[in-house]
Amino acid sequence: MDFHHIPVLLKETIEYLKPVYGGIYVDGTLGGGGHSLEILKRIGPEGKLIGIDRDPTAIKTTSEKLKDFKDAFIPVHGNNADVIDLLDEMNIDHIDGMIMDLGVSSHQFDETDRGFTYREDVRLDMRMDTSQDFSAYDLVNSYSVEDLSRIFWTYGEERWAKRIAEFVVKNRPVETTGQLVEIIKAAVPASARQGGPHPARRVFQAIRIEVNNELASLEKAIENAIRLLKPNGRLCIISFHSLEDRIVKQSFKRESNPCTCPKDLPVCICGKRPQIKILTRRPVIPSLEEIEVNPRSRSAKLRACKKL
């Protein structure tokens, strides 16, 4: 994992985050450290950058890459949803900003034995945190047809969810990603496989989200990040699929307009006040030049807010 890996929407993220010298920042998805590196350059030795990741490999490798920043960089193995508790252990109760670059990092896709990609035949895994017990193997081989169908549809928006679920259960045990891909191909009619994305893409996405509890963790992470921000502190989130982006959008909207009063009341009586100002009226997307250099950025969307 080197810094030749290309962080997505790097320039735009730093512009919205506006790191200040001596500030305290959190990278809630450390990954290869590309965003962290740019923050560290700007906050100087007086600042702090806490890099959180669920993947012990990312923590170990990126810590080595960022060793020249010494005490300014603090790596933490954990879930960004627990950011308040993680920072409380360091006696940090407020921060100047936080970023989250969601989804699977490039190195997790590139480490084919992790089972995130449907292009290699390896044991089913898909755990972001390799210390957790529950894996894709457990999910695929224990969930009922109803539960598999639900996650394939809810998290993958897969139109053939029930049929794929039935084929999976009928062909158990499923040991590897290659076996699962063949089952999916058999379940999806040939006419539906022509001209579109890889037939396994949506199912693999759904399984990964369920195994790592990604969407529930995201809502909690956003709520806690906003609580930690100092006045004028900033939160930047990069998402890669519609489910993530919808949660970010709705969370920002809720925190920027929390009033629950009936719309016909002339004044607010619920007492709930906005916590943030949304800085991105529409999500920021990669330029054509960035997509050409880094095709993985194609579906990225950046949203940012500022604490009031």
C-alpha atoms as a PDB file:
ATOM      1  CA  MET A   1       0.000   0.000   0.000  1.00  0.00           C
ATOM      2  CA  ASP A   2       1.908   3.045  -1.226  1.00  0.00           C
ATOM      3  CA  PHE A   3       1.001   6.657  -1.766  1.00  0.00           C
ATOM      4  CA  HIS A   4       0.903   5.949  -5.484  1.00  0.00           C
ATOM      5  CA  HIS A   5      -2.655   4.764  -4.758  1.00  0.00           C
ATOM      6  CA  ILE A   6      -4.881   7.623  -5.833  1.00  0.00           C
ATOM      7  CA  PRO A   7      -7.135   9.211  -3.199  1.00  0.00           C
ATOM      8  CA  VAL A   8     -10.508  10.141  -4.663  1.00  0.00           C
ATOM      9  CA  LEU A   9     -11.593  13.805  -4.895  1.00  0.00           C
ATOM     10  CA  LEU A  10      -8.477  14.788  -2.963  1.00  0.00           C
ATOM     11  CA  LYS A  11      -8.259  18.444  -4.048  1.00  0.00           C
ATOM     12  CA  GLU A  12     -11.976  19.033  -3.505  1.00  0.00           C
ATOM     13  CA  THR A  13     -11.992  17.328  -0.093  1.00  0.00           C
ATOM     14  CA  ILE A  14      -9.104  19.432   1.191  1.00  0.00           C
ATOM     15  CA  GLU A  15     -10.751  22.602  -0.144  1.00  0.00           C
ATOM     16  CA  TYR A  16     -13.951  21.897   1.794  1.00  0.00           C
ATOM     17  CA  LEU A  17     -12.178  20.623   4.927  1.00  0.00           C
ATOM     18  CA  LYS A  18      -9.865  23.693   5.092  1.00  0.00           C
ATOM     19  CA  PRO A  19      -7.313  22.181   7.515  1.00  0.00           C
ATOM     20  CA  VAL A  20      -5.774  24.820   9.809  1.00  0.00           C
ATOM     21  CA  TYR A  21      -2.296  24.794  11.283  1.00  0.00           C
ATOM     22  CA  GLY A  22      -2.316  23.198  14.719  1.00  0.00           C
ATOM     23  CA  GLY A  23      -5.821  21.801  14.279  1.00  0.00           C
ATOM     24  CA  ILE A  24      -7.168  18.426  15.379  1.00  0.00           C
ATOM     25  CA  TYR A  25      -8.598  16.263  12.595  1.00  0.00           C
ATOM     26  CA  VAL A  26      -9.921  12.737  12.142  1.00  0.00           C
ATOM     27  CA  ASP A  27      -9.665  10.540   9.067  1.00  0.00           C
ATOM     28  CA  GLY A  28     -12.417   8.048   9.799  1.00  0.00           C
ATOM     29  CA  THR A  29     -11.395   5.730   6.955  1.00  0.00           C
ATOM     30  CA  LEU A  30      -7.592   5.777   6.940  1.00  0.00           C
ATOM     31  CA  GLY A  31      -7.087   3.245   4.125  1.00  0.00           C
ATOM     32  CA  GLY A  32      -3.940   4.033   2.151  1.00  0.00           C
ATOM     33  CA  GLY A  33      -3.512   7.393   3.878  1.00  0.00           C
ATOM     34  CA  GLY A  34      -3.778   9.644   0.808  1.00  0.00           C
ATOM     35  CA  HIS A  35      -6.188  12.125   2.386  1.00  0.00           C
ATOM     36  CA  SER A  36      -4.389  11.907   5.735  1.00  0.00           C
ATOM     37  CA  LEU A  37      -1.079  12.813   4.124  1.00  0.00           C
ATOM     38  CA  GLU A  38      -2.467  16.055   2.713  1.00  0.00           C
ATOM     39  CA  ILE A  39      -4.051  16.993   6.051  1.00  0.00           C
ATOM     40  CA  LEU A  40      -0.801  16.312   7.917  1.00  0.00           C
ATOM     41  CA  LYS A  41       1.114  18.565   5.528  1.00  0.00           C
ATOM     42  CA  ARG A  42      -1.201  21.436   6.453  1.00  0.00           C
ATOM     43  CA  ILE A  43      -1.657  21.057  10.226  1.00  0.00           C
ATOM     44  CA  GLY A  44       2.056  20.928  11.021  1.00  0.00           C
ATOM     45  CA  PRO A  45       3.764  19.324  14.046  1.00  0.00           C
ATOM     46  CA  GLU A  46       1.477  21.204  16.444  1.00  0.00           C
ATOM     47  CA  GLY A  47      -1.632  19.547  14.989  1.00  0.00           C
ATOM     48  CA  LYS A  48      -3.118  16.076  15.426  1.00  0.00           C
ATOM     49  CA  LEU A  49      -4.509  13.702  12.824  1.00  0.00           C
ATOM     50  CA  ILE A  50      -6.245  10.626  14.226  1.00  0.00           C
ATOM     51  CA  GLY A  51      -6.496   7.933  11.549  1.00  0.00           C
ATOM     52  CA  ILE A  52      -9.198   5.322  12.229  1.00  0.00           C
ATOM     53  CA  ASP A  53      -9.622   2.096  10.292  1.00  0.00           C
ATOM     54  CA  ARG A  54     -11.313  -1.251  10.880  1.00  0.00           C
ATOM     55  CA  ASP A  55      -8.614  -3.031   8.894  1.00  0.00           C
ATOM     56  CA  PRO A  56      -5.495  -3.898  10.956  1.00  0.00           C
ATOM     57  CA  THR A  57      -3.469  -4.195   7.737  1.00  0.00           C
ATOM     58  CA  ALA A  58      -4.315  -0.617   6.756  1.00  0.00           C
ATOM     59  CA  ILE A  59      -3.338   0.631  10.220  1.00  0.00           C
ATOM     60  CA  LYS A  60       0.008  -1.171  10.167  1.00  0.00           C
ATOM     61  CA  THR A  61       1.046  -0.323   6.623  1.00  0.00           C
ATOM     62  CA  THR A  62      -0.131   3.289   6.545  1.00  0.00           C
ATOM     63  CA  SER A  63       1.425   3.978   9.956  1.00  0.00           C
ATOM     64  CA  GLU A  64       4.763   3.031   8.423  1.00  0.00           C
ATOM     65  CA  LYS A  65       4.140   5.346   5.469  1.00  0.00           C
ATOM     66  CA  LEU A  66       3.296   8.259   7.770  1.00  0.00           C
ATOM     67  CA  LYS A  67       6.035   7.661  10.343  1.00  0.00           C
ATOM     68  CA  ASP A  68       7.819  10.922   9.450  1.00  0.00           C
ATOM     69  CA  PHE A  69       4.910  12.860  10.957  1.00  0.00           C
ATOM     70  CA  LYS A  70       5.729  11.371  14.378  1.00  0.00           C
ATOM     71  CA  ASP A  71       3.411  12.604  17.134  1.00  0.00           C
ATOM     72  CA  ALA A  72       1.074  14.492  14.774  1.00  0.00           C
ATOM     73  CA  PHE A  73      -0.320  11.198  13.417  1.00  0.00           C
ATOM     74  CA  ILE A  74      -2.182   8.819  15.750  1.00  0.00           C
ATOM     75  CA  PRO A  75      -3.393   5.549  14.179  1.00  0.00           C
ATOM     76  CA  VAL A  76      -6.362   3.806  15.804  1.00  0.00           C
ATOM     77  CA  HIS A  77      -7.801   0.384  15.040  1.00  0.00           C
ATOM     78  CA  GLY A  78     -11.553   0.751  15.403  1.00  0.00           C
ATOM     79  CA  ASN A  79     -14.880   1.716  13.865  1.00  0.00           C
ATOM     80  CA  ASN A  80     -15.468   5.366  12.989  1.00  0.00           C
ATOM     81  CA  ALA A  81     -18.981   5.015  14.427  1.00  0.00           C
ATOM     82  CA  ASP A  82     -17.266   4.846  17.840  1.00  0.00           C
ATOM     83  CA  VAL A  83     -15.245   8.027  17.226  1.00  0.00           C
ATOM     84  CA  ILE A  84     -16.457   9.757  20.414  1.00  0.00           C
ATOM     85  CA  ASP A  85     -15.319   6.875  22.634  1.00  0.00           C
ATOM     86  CA  LEU A  86     -12.054   6.442  20.711  1.00  0.00           C
ATOM     87  CA  LEU A  87     -11.166  10.122  21.094  1.00  0.00           C
ATOM     88  CA  ASP A  88     -12.316  10.202  24.727  1.00  0.00           C
ATOM     89  CA  GLU A  89      -9.524   7.728  25.488  1.00  0.00           C
ATOM     90  CA  MET A  90      -7.100  10.408  24.225  1.00  0.00           C
ATOM     91  CA  ASN A  91      -8.820  13.167  26.233  1.00  0.00           C
ATOM     92  CA  ILE A  92     -10.014  14.811  23.001  1.00  0.00           C
ATOM     93  CA  ASP A  93     -13.578  16.124  23.178  1.00  0.00           C
ATOM     94  CA  HIS A  94     -13.681  18.456  20.164  1.00  0.00           C
ATOM     95  CA  ILE A  95     -12.160  18.424  16.688  1.00  0.00           C
ATOM     96  CA  ASP A  96     -11.662  20.895  13.857  1.00  0.00           C
ATOM     97  CA  GLY A  97     -12.731  18.501  11.139  1.00  0.00           C
ATOM     98  CA  MET A  98     -13.286  14.941   9.987  1.00  0.00           C
ATOM     99  CA  ILE A  99     -13.314  13.105   6.675  1.00  0.00           C
ATOM    100  CA  MET A 100     -14.734   9.732   5.682  1.00  0.00           C
ATOM    101  CA  ASP A 101     -13.959   8.003   2.379  1.00  0.00           C
ATOM    102  CA  LEU A 102     -16.512   5.210   2.448  1.00  0.00           C
ATOM    103  CA  GLY A 103     -16.662   1.722   0.992  1.00  0.00           C
ATOM    104  CA  VAL A 104     -13.853  -0.687   0.211  1.00  0.00           C
ATOM    105  CA  SER A 105     -10.397   0.834  -0.120  1.00  0.00           C
ATOM    106  CA  SER A 106      -8.231   0.164  -3.154  1.00  0.00           C
ATOM    107  CA  HIS A 107      -5.832  -2.067  -1.237  1.00  0.00           C
ATOM    108  CA  GLN A 108      -8.711  -4.238   0.004  1.00  0.00           C
ATOM    109  CA  PHE A 109      -9.843  -4.787  -3.576  1.00  0.00           C
ATOM    110  CA  ASP A 110      -6.251  -5.406  -4.663  1.00  0.00           C
ATOM    111  CA  GLU A 111      -5.639  -7.971  -1.895  1.00  0.00           C
ATOM    112  CA  THR A 112      -7.628 -10.604  -3.734  1.00  0.00           C
ATOM    113  CA  ASP A 113      -7.535 -13.123  -0.878  1.00  0.00           C
ATOM    114  CA  ARG A 114      -9.820 -10.813   1.119  1.00  0.00           C
ATOM    115  CA  GLY A 115     -12.726 -11.872  -1.108  1.00  0.00           C
ATOM    116  CA  PHE A 116     -14.059  -8.399  -1.941  1.00  0.00           C
ATOM    117  CA  THR A 117     -13.751  -8.868  -5.691  1.00  0.00           C
ATOM    118  CA  TYR A 118     -15.796 -11.172  -7.876  1.00  0.00           C
ATOM    119  CA  ARG A 119     -12.963 -11.361 -10.418  1.00  0.00           C
ATOM    120  CA  GLU A 120     -10.888 -13.885  -8.436  1.00  0.00           C
ATOM    121  CA  ASP A 121     -11.758 -17.287  -6.993  1.00  0.00           C
ATOM    122  CA  VAL A 122     -10.894 -17.163  -3.272  1.00  0.00           C
ATOM    123  CA  ARG A 123     -12.570 -18.133  -0.002  1.00  0.00           C
ATOM    124  CA  LEU A 124     -15.615 -16.028   0.860  1.00  0.00           C
ATOM    125  CA  ASP A 125     -14.601 -13.408   3.429  1.00  0.00           C
ATOM    126  CA  MET A 126     -15.279  -9.659   2.833  1.00  0.00           C
ATOM    127  CA  ARG A 127     -14.476  -8.634   6.431  1.00  0.00           C
ATOM    128  CA  MET A 128     -13.081  -5.116   6.674  1.00  0.00           C
ATOM    129  CA  ASP A 129     -12.004  -5.932  10.223  1.00  0.00           C
ATOM    130  CA  THR A 130     -10.284  -9.302   9.978  1.00  0.00           C
ATOM    131  CA  SER A 131     -10.522  -9.733  13.753  1.00  0.00           C
ATOM    132  CA  GLN A 132     -14.325 -10.092  13.610  1.00  0.00           C
ATOM    133  CA  ASP A 133     -15.733 -13.618  13.409  1.00  0.00           C
ATOM    134  CA  PHE A 134     -18.686 -13.156  11.042  1.00  0.00           C
ATOM    135  CA  SER A 135     -17.734 -13.325   7.356  1.00  0.00           C
ATOM    136  CA  ALA A 136     -19.348 -13.609   3.941  1.00  0.00           C
ATOM    137  CA  TYR A 137     -18.933 -17.384   4.197  1.00  0.00           C
ATOM    138  CA  ASP A 138     -21.125 -17.434   7.321  1.00  0.00           C
ATOM    139  CA  LEU A 139     -23.740 -15.201   5.729  1.00  0.00           C
ATOM    140  CA  VAL A 140     -24.008 -17.072   2.445  1.00  0.00           C
ATOM    141  CA  ASN A 141     -24.212 -20.458   4.155  1.00  0.00           C
ATOM    142  CA  SER A 142     -26.560 -19.632   7.048  1.00  0.00           C
ATOM    143  CA  TYR A 143     -29.074 -16.967   5.964  1.00  0.00           C
ATOM    144  CA  SER A 144     -32.528 -18.087   4.857  1.00  0.00           C
ATOM    145  CA  VAL A 145     -33.858 -17.465   1.350  1.00  0.00           C
ATOM    146  CA  GLU A 146     -35.949 -14.628   2.791  1.00  0.00           C
ATOM    147  CA  ASP A 147     -32.990 -12.949   4.506  1.00  0.00           C
ATOM    148  CA  LEU A 148     -30.670 -13.341   1.522  1.00  0.00           C
ATOM    149  CA  SER A 149     -33.349 -11.962  -0.771  1.00  0.00           C
ATOM    150  CA  ARG A 150     -33.890  -9.003   1.560  1.00  0.00           C
ATOM    151  CA  ILE A 151     -30.230  -7.969   1.668  1.00  0.00           C
ATOM    152  CA  PHE A 152     -29.682  -8.528  -2.079  1.00  0.00           C
ATOM    153  CA  TRP A 153     -32.619  -6.207  -2.788  1.00  0.00           C
ATOM    154  CA  THR A 154     -32.143  -3.656   0.015  1.00  0.00           C
ATOM    155  CA  TYR A 155     -28.356  -3.260  -0.189  1.00  0.00           C
ATOM    156  CA  GLY A 156     -27.752  -4.248  -3.798  1.00  0.00           C
ATOM    157  CA  GLU A 157     -30.982  -3.155  -5.489  1.00  0.00           C
ATOM    158  CA  GLU A 158     -30.786  -6.482  -7.323  1.00  0.00           C
ATOM    159  CA  ARG A 159     -33.968  -7.171  -9.308  1.00  0.00           C
ATOM    160  CA  TRP A 160     -33.302 -10.941  -9.322  1.00  0.00           C
ATOM    161  CA  ALA A 161     -32.758 -11.011  -5.538  1.00  0.00           C
ATOM    162  CA  LYS A 162     -35.179 -13.812  -4.662  1.00  0.00           C
ATOM    163  CA  ARG A 163     -34.152 -16.077  -7.530  1.00  0.00           C
ATOM    164  CA  ILE A 164     -30.455 -15.643  -6.685  1.00  0.00           C
ATOM    165  CA  ALA A 165     -31.197 -16.332  -3.010  1.00  0.00           C
ATOM    166  CA  GLU A 166     -33.010 -19.550  -3.928  1.00  0.00           C
ATOM    167  CA  PHE A 167     -30.108 -20.686  -6.112  1.00  0.00           C
ATOM    168  CA  VAL A 168     -27.595 -19.919  -3.334  1.00  0.00           C
ATOM    169  CA  VAL A 169     -29.495 -21.953  -0.733  1.00  0.00           C
ATOM    170  CA  LYS A 170     -29.972 -24.842  -3.192  1.00  0.00           C
ATOM    171  CA  ASN A 171     -26.232 -24.999  -3.956  1.00  0.00           C
ATOM    172  CA  ARG A 172     -24.818 -24.843  -0.430  1.00  0.00           C
ATOM    173  CA  PRO A 173     -22.182 -25.128   0.853  1.00  0.00           C
ATOM    174  CA  VAL A 174     -20.678 -22.198  -1.072  1.00  0.00           C
ATOM    175  CA  GLU A 175     -16.986 -21.976  -0.251  1.00  0.00           C
ATOM    176  CA  THR A 176     -15.487 -19.426  -2.650  1.00  0.00           C
ATOM    177  CA  THR A 177     -16.199 -16.224  -4.543  1.00  0.00           C
ATOM    178  CA  GLY A 178     -15.892 -18.127  -7.816  1.00  0.00           C
ATOM    179  CA  GLN A 179     -18.595 -20.595  -6.788  1.00  0.00           C
ATOM    180  CA  LEU A 180     -20.875 -17.733  -5.800  1.00  0.00           C
ATOM    181  CA  VAL A 181     -20.320 -15.956  -9.110  1.00  0.00           C
ATOM    182  CA  GLU A 182     -21.273 -19.102 -11.041  1.00  0.00           C
ATOM    183  CA  ILE A 183     -24.435 -19.499  -8.926  1.00  0.00           C
ATOM    184  CA  ILE A 184     -25.407 -15.879  -9.616  1.00  0.00           C
ATOM    185  CA  LYS A 185     -24.793 -16.310 -13.342  1.00  0.00           C
ATOM    186  CA  ALA A 186     -26.975 -19.417 -13.363  1.00  0.00           C
ATOM    187  CA  ALA A 187     -29.757 -17.597 -11.511  1.00  0.00           C
ATOM    188  CA  VAL A 188     -29.842 -14.466 -13.659  1.00  0.00           C
ATOM    189  CA  PRO A 189     -31.356 -15.030 -17.133  1.00  0.00           C
ATOM    190  CA  ALA A 190     -28.888 -14.619 -19.985  1.00  0.00           C
ATOM    191  CA  SER A 191     -30.926 -11.775 -21.485  1.00  0.00           C
ATOM    192  CA  ALA A 192     -30.554  -9.792 -18.238  1.00  0.00           C
ATOM    193  CA  ARG A 193     -26.767 -10.300 -18.205  1.00  0.00           C
ATOM    194  CA  GLN A 194     -26.146  -8.670 -21.583  1.00  0.00           C
ATOM    195  CA  GLY A 195     -24.823  -5.151 -21.821  1.00  0.00           C
ATOM    196  CA  GLY A 196     -24.991  -4.309 -18.107  1.00  0.00           C
ATOM    197  CA  PRO A 197     -22.519  -4.463 -15.215  1.00  0.00           C
ATOM    198  CA  HIS A 198     -21.087  -7.774 -14.022  1.00  0.00           C
ATOM    199  CA  PRO A 199     -24.028  -9.882 -12.788  1.00  0.00           C
ATOM    200  CA  ALA A 200     -22.346 -10.441  -9.407  1.00  0.00           C
ATOM    201  CA  ARG A 201     -21.577  -6.779  -8.659  1.00  0.00           C
ATOM    202  CA  ARG A 202     -24.785  -5.913  -6.821  1.00  0.00           C
ATOM    203  CA  VAL A 203     -24.879  -9.138  -4.821  1.00  0.00           C
ATOM    204  CA  PHE A 204     -21.247  -8.772  -3.710  1.00  0.00           C
ATOM    205  CA  GLN A 205     -21.947  -5.178  -2.668  1.00  0.00           C
ATOM    206  CA  ALA A 206     -24.972  -6.283  -0.644  1.00  0.00           C
ATOM    207  CA  ILE A 207     -23.083  -9.074   1.116  1.00  0.00           C
ATOM    208  CA  ARG A 208     -20.187  -6.753   1.959  1.00  0.00           C
ATOM    209  CA  ILE A 209     -22.534  -4.139   3.435  1.00  0.00           C
ATOM    210  CA  GLU A 210     -24.306  -6.740   5.581  1.00  0.00           C
ATOM    211  CA  VAL A 211     -21.114  -8.443   6.783  1.00  0.00           C
ATOM    212  CA  ASN A 212     -19.601  -5.130   7.887  1.00  0.00           C
ATOM    213  CA  ASN A 213     -22.852  -3.466   9.052  1.00  0.00           C
ATOM    214  CA  GLU A 214     -21.803  -0.479   6.951  1.00  0.00           C
ATOM    215  CA  LEU A 215     -24.991   1.543   6.670  1.00  0.00           C
ATOM    216  CA  ALA A 216     -26.019   1.430  10.324  1.00  0.00           C
ATOM    217  CA  SER A 217     -22.454   2.335  11.288  1.00  0.00           C
ATOM    218  CA  LEU A 218     -22.490   5.258   8.844  1.00  0.00           C
ATOM    219  CA  GLU A 219     -25.524   6.933  10.435  1.00  0.00           C
ATOM    220  CA  LYS A 220     -23.940   6.677  13.872  1.00  0.00           C
ATOM    221  CA  ALA A 221     -20.568   7.914  12.573  1.00  0.00           C
ATOM    222  CA  ILE A 222     -22.138  11.039  11.033  1.00  0.00           C
ATOM    223  CA  GLU A 223     -24.110  11.839  14.182  1.00  0.00           C
ATOM    224  CA  ASN A 224     -21.056  11.436  16.409  1.00  0.00           C
ATOM    225  CA  ALA A 225     -18.762  13.377  14.073  1.00  0.00           C
ATOM    226  CA  ILE A 226     -21.119  16.355  14.113  1.00  0.00           C
ATOM    227  CA  ARG A 227     -21.283  16.227  17.918  1.00  0.00           C
ATOM    228  CA  LEU A 228     -17.480  16.377  18.090  1.00  0.00           C
ATOM    229  CA  LEU A 229     -17.018  19.312  15.719  1.00  0.00           C
ATOM    230  CA  LYS A 230     -16.044  22.690  17.115  1.00  0.00           C
ATOM    231  CA  PRO A 231     -18.024  25.702  15.842  1.00  0.00           C
ATOM    232  CA  ASN A 232     -17.038  26.150  12.164  1.00  0.00           C
ATOM    233  CA  GLY A 233     -15.524  22.664  12.165  1.00  0.00           C
ATOM    234  CA  ARG A 234     -16.092  20.722   8.949  1.00  0.00           C
ATOM    235  CA  LEU A 235     -17.160  17.222   7.972  1.00  0.00           C
ATOM    236  CA  CYS A 236     -16.466  15.814   4.480  1.00  0.00           C
ATOM    237  CA  ILE A 237     -17.858  12.464   3.334  1.00  0.00           C
ATOM    238  CA  ILE A 238     -17.155  10.649   0.066  1.00  0.00           C
ATOM    239  CA  SER A 239     -19.652   7.928  -0.852  1.00  0.00           C
ATOM    240  CA  PHE A 240     -19.614   5.462  -3.734  1.00  0.00           C
ATOM    241  CA  HIS A 241     -23.146   4.150  -4.101  1.00  0.00           C
ATOM    242  CA  SER A 242     -26.664   5.510  -3.810  1.00  0.00           C
ATOM    243  CA  LEU A 243     -27.451   3.912  -0.450  1.00  0.00           C
ATOM    244  CA  GLU A 244     -24.472   5.573   1.235  1.00  0.00           C
ATOM    245  CA  ASP A 245     -25.103   8.908  -0.444  1.00  0.00           C
ATOM    246  CA  ARG A 246     -28.762   8.836   0.573  1.00  0.00           C
ATOM    247  CA  ILE A 247     -27.816   8.342   4.236  1.00  0.00           C
ATOM    248  CA  VAL A 248     -25.290  11.191   4.097  1.00  0.00           C
ATOM    249  CA  LYS A 249     -27.789  13.502   2.382  1.00  0.00           C
ATOM    250  CA  GLN A 250     -30.613  12.676   4.804  1.00  0.00           C
ATOM    251  CA  SER A 251     -28.352  12.945   7.869  1.00  0.00           C
ATOM    252  CA  PHE A 252     -27.081  16.362   6.777  1.00  0.00           C
ATOM    253  CA  LYS A 253     -30.638  17.523   6.048  1.00  0.00           C
ATOM    254  CA  ARG A 254     -31.853  16.339   9.448  1.00  0.00           C
ATOM    255  CA  GLU A 255     -29.020  18.090  11.296  1.00  0.00           C
ATOM    256  CA  SER A 256     -29.403  21.305   9.279  1.00  0.00           C
ATOM    257  CA  ASN A 257     -33.185  21.473   9.718  1.00  0.00           C
ATOM    258  CA  PRO A 258     -34.200  19.462  12.796  1.00  0.00           C
ATOM    259  CA  CYS A 259     -37.461  21.325  13.498  1.00  0.00           C
ATOM    260  CA  THR A 260     -40.371  18.903  13.986  1.00  0.00           C
ATOM    261  CA  CYS A 261     -43.119  21.533  14.243  1.00  0.00           C
ATOM    262  CA  PRO A 262     -46.110  21.346  11.868  1.00  0.00           C
ATOM    263  CA  LYS A 263     -45.423  23.371   8.745  1.00  0.00           C
ATOM    264  CA  ASP A 264     -48.437  25.621   9.313  1.00  0.00           C
ATOM    265  CA  LEU A 265     -47.123  26.933  12.662  1.00  0.00           C
ATOM    266  CA  PRO A 266     -45.881  30.526  12.269  1.00  0.00           C
ATOM    267  CA  VAL A 267     -42.967  30.015  14.700  1.00  0.00           C
ATOM    268  CA  CYS A 268     -40.931  27.044  15.904  1.00  0.00           C
ATOM    269  CA  ILE A 269     -41.956  25.744  19.321  1.00  0.00           C
ATOM    270  CA  CYS A 270     -40.064  22.420  19.379  1.00  0.00           C
ATOM    271  CA  GLY A 271     -36.827  24.177  20.314  1.00  0.00           C
ATOM    272  CA  LYS A 272     -34.657  22.104  18.022  1.00  0.00           C
ATOM    273  CA  ARG A 273     -31.970  24.234  16.410  1.00  0.00           C
ATOM    274  CA  PRO A 274     -29.830  23.550  13.323  1.00  0.00           C
ATOM    275  CA  GLN A 275     -26.462  22.006  14.147  1.00  0.00           C
ATOM    276  CA  ILE A 276     -24.807  22.390  10.747  1.00  0.00           C
ATOM    277  CA  LYS A 277     -24.817  24.350   7.526  1.00  0.00           C
ATOM    278  CA  ILE A 278     -24.622  22.233   4.363  1.00  0.00           C
ATOM    279  CA  LEU A 279     -21.759  23.457   2.159  1.00  0.00           C
ATOM    280  CA  THR A 280     -22.496  21.326  -0.916  1.00  0.00           C
ATOM    281  CA  ARG A 281     -25.919  22.126  -2.397  1.00  0.00           C
ATOM    282  CA  ARG A 282     -25.302  19.237  -4.780  1.00  0.00           C
ATOM    283  CA  PRO A 283     -22.720  16.484  -4.302  1.00  0.00           C
ATOM    284  CA  VAL A 284     -19.290  17.185  -5.773  1.00  0.00           C
ATOM    285  CA  ILE A 285     -18.334  14.590  -8.387  1.00  0.00           C
ATOM    286  CA  PRO A 286     -14.972  13.763 -10.005  1.00  0.00           C
ATOM    287  CA  SER A 287     -13.870  15.574 -13.133  1.00  0.00           C
ATOM    288  CA  LEU A 288     -13.561  13.669 -16.385  1.00  0.00           C
ATOM    289  CA  GLU A 289      -9.780  14.004 -16.012  1.00  0.00           C
ATOM    290  CA  GLU A 290      -9.846  12.311 -12.591  1.00  0.00           C
ATOM    291  CA  ILE A 291     -12.065   9.489 -13.846  1.00  0.00           C
ATOM    292  CA  GLU A 292      -9.681   8.894 -16.737  1.00  0.00           C
ATOM    293  CA  VAL A 293      -6.708   8.654 -14.368  1.00  0.00           C
ATOM    294  CA  ASN A 294      -8.590   6.737 -11.661  1.00  0.00           C
ATOM    295  CA  PRO A 295     -11.643   4.826 -13.007  1.00  0.00           C
ATOM    296  CA  ARG A 296     -12.559   3.762  -9.452  1.00  0.00           C
ATOM    297  CA  SER A 297     -13.556   7.365  -8.746  1.00  0.00           C
ATOM    298  CA  ARG A 298     -16.377   7.260 -11.304  1.00  0.00           C
ATOM    299  CA  SER A 299     -19.248   6.854  -8.810  1.00  0.00           C
ATOM    300  CA  ALA A 300     -17.791   9.031  -6.025  1.00  0.00           C
ATOM    301  CA  LYS A 301     -19.841  11.831  -4.472  1.00  0.00           C
ATOM    302  CA  LEU A 302     -18.539  14.327  -1.923  1.00  0.00           C
ATOM    303  CA  ARG A 303     -20.813  16.114   0.546  1.00  0.00           C
ATOM    304  CA  ALA A 304     -19.588  18.589   3.170  1.00  0.00           C
ATOM    305  CA  CYS A 305     -21.041  20.539   6.081  1.00  0.00           C
ATOM    306  CA  LYS A 306     -19.938  23.060   8.702  1.00  0.00           C
ATOM    307  CA  LYS A 307     -20.842  23.109  12.400  1.00  0.00           C
ATOM    308  CA  LEU A 308     -22.804  26.192  13.450  1.00  0.00           C
END
